[in-house]
Amino acid sequence: MTDAYRTVAEPATADFVVQGSEFLGHVRPVDSVDAAESFIETVEAEYADATHNVPAYRVRADPEGELLREYSSDDGEPSGSAGKPALNVLEKQELENCAVVVTRYYGGTNLGVGGLVRAYSKAVKDAVDAAGVVEERPHESVSVTVEYDDSGTVRGILESEGYEFEADYDADVSFDVRVPIAEAEPFRDRLRSATSGRVDLD
C-alpha cells in the first residue's frame, strides 16, 4: 500500500463541557507507534490532574502501510465507553498515522455509558475538525551525491518535481530528498539518466 492515506493536518485541541464534566480532545499527526506513544505520555504528564486521559491511535507500522497498528484504552472509564468510541471516529474517517487523547475532568454527574460514548466521540470529532484532514503519501529518504558539475541538473529535477530536499555543498554536493515511495525508483532512474550514471544514490 504505497497509496495516499488520510491523516490530520496539524496538532489541535478542542474542548467542551457536558453536565459539569470538561472534555478536551487532543489530536496529532504521527509517523510511528513510538511517536504516538510519546504524544500520549506528553498529554498524560501535562494533564496529570485530570480524572481520565483516554488514548487511541491508528499508525502504519511500516512505510508501505501493510500493517496498521490500532490501540485504545478506557483509562478507568467503564469498559467500551471511551477508548473504543475514540478509535471508532478515526476508523470511520479512515485516518491513519494519527493519535488522540481525550482528557476528562469529572464534574460530579455520572453520564452513563451512552453519554460517555457520545462525549468521547465528540471530543475526537471536534479535535479532528479543528486540525483539518489532509491526504499524505508514504515517503522515503533518498540520499543523492554528485560532483559540482552535475549539481545544477539534479537540483533542477528536484525543484521541477517539487520534492522537499536539503542540500549540502562540501567536496561533493549531497541532497537529502523526501520522495513518495511509489515514485522512488523512477526518480533514481531519472537521475542516473540525467547525469549519465555519475550520481551516487543511497
Protein backbone atom coordinates (compact mmCIF):
# COMPACT_ATOMS: atom_id res chain seq x y z
CA MET A 1 0.00 0.00 0.00
CA THR A 2 2.05 2.89 -1.29
CA ASP A 3 -1.21 4.76 -1.89
CA ALA A 4 -2.15 8.04 -0.32
CA TYR A 5 -3.75 7.93 3.11
CA ARG A 6 -5.76 10.39 5.21
CA THR A 7 -4.36 11.97 8.36
CA VAL A 8 -4.74 15.18 10.35
CA ALA A 9 -3.01 18.28 9.02
CA GLU A 10 -1.64 19.57 12.33
CA PRO A 11 -1.93 19.19 16.12
CA ALA A 12 -5.16 20.57 17.57
CA THR A 13 -7.22 20.61 20.76
CA ALA A 14 -10.97 21.05 21.16
CA ASP A 15 -12.89 21.30 24.44
CA PHE A 16 -16.47 21.39 25.70
CA VAL A 17 -18.43 20.75 28.90
CA VAL A 18 -21.18 18.13 29.45
CA GLN A 19 -23.12 18.26 32.74
CA GLY A 20 -20.13 19.75 34.55
CA SER A 21 -17.51 17.38 33.08
CA GLU A 22 -14.91 19.08 30.89
CA PHE A 23 -13.64 17.13 27.88
CA LEU A 24 -10.54 18.11 25.90
CA GLY A 25 -9.75 16.27 22.68
CA HIS A 26 -6.08 16.40 21.66
CA VAL A 27 -5.05 15.14 18.22
CA ARG A 28 -1.72 15.00 16.40
CA PRO A 29 -0.28 13.52 13.20
CA VAL A 30 2.42 10.91 13.99
CA ASP A 31 4.70 8.82 11.80
CA SER A 32 5.33 5.83 14.08
CA VAL A 33 3.97 3.89 17.04
CA ASP A 34 6.79 5.36 19.17
CA ALA A 35 5.72 8.89 18.21
CA ALA A 36 2.09 8.08 19.06
CA GLU A 37 3.02 6.69 22.46
CA SER A 38 5.33 9.64 23.16
CA PHE A 39 2.47 12.06 22.37
CA ILE A 40 0.14 10.14 24.70
CA GLU A 41 2.73 10.27 27.52
CA THR A 42 3.21 14.02 26.98
CA VAL A 43 -0.53 14.70 27.29
CA GLU A 44 -0.82 12.41 30.34
CA ALA A 45 2.01 14.32 32.02
CA GLU A 46 0.58 17.73 31.13
CA TYR A 47 -2.90 16.79 32.35
CA ALA A 48 -1.83 14.56 35.24
CA ASP A 49 -4.53 16.15 37.44
CA ALA A 50 -7.34 15.02 35.08
CA THR A 51 -9.76 12.25 36.04
CA HIS A 52 -9.06 10.34 32.81
CA ASN A 53 -6.73 10.60 29.81
CA VAL A 54 -8.15 8.25 27.17
CA PRO A 55 -5.74 7.41 24.29
CA ALA A 56 -6.31 5.95 20.83
CA TYR A 57 -4.24 5.73 17.66
CA ARG A 58 -4.07 4.20 14.19
CA VAL A 59 -0.50 4.06 12.86
CA ARG A 60 1.15 2.42 9.85
CA ALA A 61 3.69 0.07 11.39
CA ASP A 62 5.77 0.03 8.18
CA PRO A 63 6.23 2.68 5.46
CA GLU A 64 4.16 0.79 2.88
CA GLY A 65 1.20 0.62 5.25
CA GLU A 66 0.92 -3.18 5.02
CA LEU A 67 0.49 -3.32 8.80
CA LEU A 68 -1.83 -0.96 10.64
CA ARG A 69 -1.46 -0.81 14.41
CA GLU A 70 -4.59 0.20 16.30
CA TYR A 71 -4.73 0.89 20.02
CA SER A 72 -7.15 2.33 22.54
CA SER A 73 -7.67 2.30 26.31
CA ASP A 74 -10.61 3.27 28.53
CA ASP A 75 -8.20 4.57 31.24
CA GLY A 76 -10.56 3.69 34.07
CA GLU A 77 -13.84 4.61 32.36
CA PRO A 78 -16.47 1.81 32.04
CA SER A 79 -15.38 -0.83 29.51
CA GLY A 80 -16.11 0.17 25.92
CA SER A 81 -17.33 3.67 26.82
CA ALA A 82 -14.24 5.73 25.99
CA GLY A 83 -11.26 4.25 24.12
CA LYS A 84 -13.25 2.29 21.53
CA PRO A 85 -15.55 5.23 20.65
CA ALA A 86 -12.45 7.44 20.25
CA LEU A 87 -10.82 4.86 17.95
CA ASN A 88 -14.09 4.41 16.02
CA VAL A 89 -14.01 8.07 14.97
CA LEU A 90 -10.53 7.58 13.47
CA GLU A 91 -11.70 4.39 11.72
CA LYS A 92 -14.88 5.96 10.31
CA GLN A 93 -12.92 8.91 8.93
CA GLU A 94 -10.26 6.48 7.63
CA LEU A 95 -7.48 8.38 9.39
CA GLU A 96 -4.03 6.82 9.72
CA ASN A 97 -0.79 7.97 11.37
CA CYS A 98 -2.95 9.83 13.84
CA ALA A 99 -3.05 9.78 17.66
CA VAL A 100 -5.66 11.21 20.02
CA VAL A 101 -6.01 11.65 23.76
CA VAL A 102 -9.28 12.76 25.34
CA THR A 103 -8.79 14.39 28.74
CA ARG A 104 -11.76 14.41 31.13
CA TYR A 105 -12.20 16.42 34.31
CA TYR A 106 -15.11 14.82 36.19
CA GLY A 107 -17.86 17.28 37.03
CA GLY A 108 -19.80 15.34 39.65
CA THR A 109 -22.55 13.90 37.44
CA ASN A 110 -22.38 10.36 36.02
CA LEU A 111 -23.04 10.47 32.28
CA GLY A 112 -23.81 6.76 31.84
CA VAL A 113 -22.20 4.60 29.17
CA GLY A 114 -24.23 6.16 26.35
CA GLY A 115 -23.37 9.67 27.49
CA LEU A 116 -19.68 8.78 27.73
CA VAL A 117 -19.66 7.22 24.25
CA ARG A 118 -21.20 10.41 22.82
CA ALA A 119 -18.82 12.71 24.73
CA TYR A 120 -15.62 10.83 23.85
CA SER A 121 -16.70 10.54 20.20
CA LYS A 122 -17.49 14.26 20.05
CA ALA A 123 -14.13 15.19 21.63
CA VAL A 124 -12.25 13.32 18.90
CA LYS A 125 -14.50 14.59 16.08
CA ASP A 126 -14.15 18.20 17.24
CA ALA A 127 -10.36 17.89 17.55
CA VAL A 128 -10.08 16.32 14.06
CA ASP A 129 -12.29 19.10 12.63
CA ALA A 130 -10.03 21.70 14.29
CA ALA A 131 -6.88 20.03 12.91
CA GLY A 132 -8.20 19.51 9.39
CA VAL A 133 -7.69 16.38 7.28
CA VAL A 134 -5.08 16.04 4.53
CA GLU A 135 -4.01 13.33 2.14
CA GLU A 136 -0.44 12.10 2.58
CA ARG A 137 1.65 9.62 0.65
CA PRO A 138 4.25 7.34 2.23
CA HIS A 139 7.72 8.80 1.64
CA GLU A 140 11.28 7.60 1.85
CA SER A 141 14.54 9.49 2.07
CA VAL A 142 16.88 9.25 -0.92
CA SER A 143 20.45 10.41 -0.49
CA VAL A 144 21.92 11.84 -3.72
CA THR A 145 25.62 12.73 -4.11
CA VAL A 146 27.11 14.29 -7.25
CA GLU A 147 30.06 16.41 -8.28
CA TYR A 148 29.54 20.14 -8.69
CA ASP A 149 29.23 19.85 -12.49
CA ASP A 150 26.05 17.78 -12.13
CA SER A 151 24.58 19.55 -9.11
CA GLY A 152 22.61 22.11 -11.15
CA THR A 153 20.99 19.34 -13.21
CA VAL A 154 20.00 17.41 -10.10
CA ARG A 155 18.71 20.49 -8.30
CA GLY A 156 16.65 21.41 -11.35
CA ILE A 157 14.98 17.98 -11.33
CA LEU A 158 14.21 18.22 -7.60
CA GLU A 159 12.69 21.67 -7.96
CA SER A 160 10.63 20.73 -11.04
CA GLU A 161 9.19 17.73 -9.16
CA GLY A 162 8.51 19.82 -6.06
CA TYR A 163 10.28 17.36 -3.74
CA GLU A 164 11.39 18.53 -0.30
CA PHE A 165 15.19 18.39 -0.02
CA GLU A 166 18.20 19.66 1.86
CA ALA A 167 21.45 20.40 0.03
CA ASP A 168 24.96 20.20 1.46
CA TYR A 169 27.78 21.74 -0.59
CA ASP A 170 31.04 20.15 0.51
CA ALA A 171 33.76 18.40 -1.52
CA ASP A 172 30.81 16.99 -3.48
CA VAL A 173 27.20 18.09 -3.39
CA SER A 174 24.76 15.99 -1.34
CA PHE A 175 20.98 16.20 -1.47
CA ASP A 176 18.75 14.54 1.10
CA VAL A 177 15.43 14.16 -0.72
CA ARG A 178 11.97 13.17 0.54
CA VAL A 179 10.33 11.14 -2.24
CA PRO A 180 6.97 9.33 -2.34
CA ILE A 181 7.73 5.60 -2.18
CA ALA A 182 5.75 4.95 -5.37
CA GLU A 183 8.00 7.41 -7.26
CA ALA A 184 11.36 6.49 -5.73
CA GLU A 185 12.58 4.05 -8.42
CA PRO A 186 11.57 6.20 -11.43
CA PHE A 187 13.23 9.14 -9.64
CA ARG A 188 16.50 7.21 -9.23
CA ASP A 189 16.39 6.14 -12.89
CA ARG A 190 15.83 9.73 -14.00
CA LEU A 191 18.86 10.96 -12.02
CA ARG A 192 21.08 8.21 -13.43
CA SER A 193 19.97 9.10 -16.94
CA ALA A 194 20.36 12.88 -16.44
CA THR A 195 23.92 12.51 -15.09
CA SER A 196 24.99 9.65 -17.40
CA GLY A 197 25.38 7.44 -14.33
CA ARG A 198 27.64 9.87 -12.44
CA VAL A 199 25.29 10.03 -9.45
CA ASP A 200 25.76 8.18 -6.14
CA LEU A 201 22.40 7.07 -4.71
CA ASP A 202 21.70 5.66 -1.27
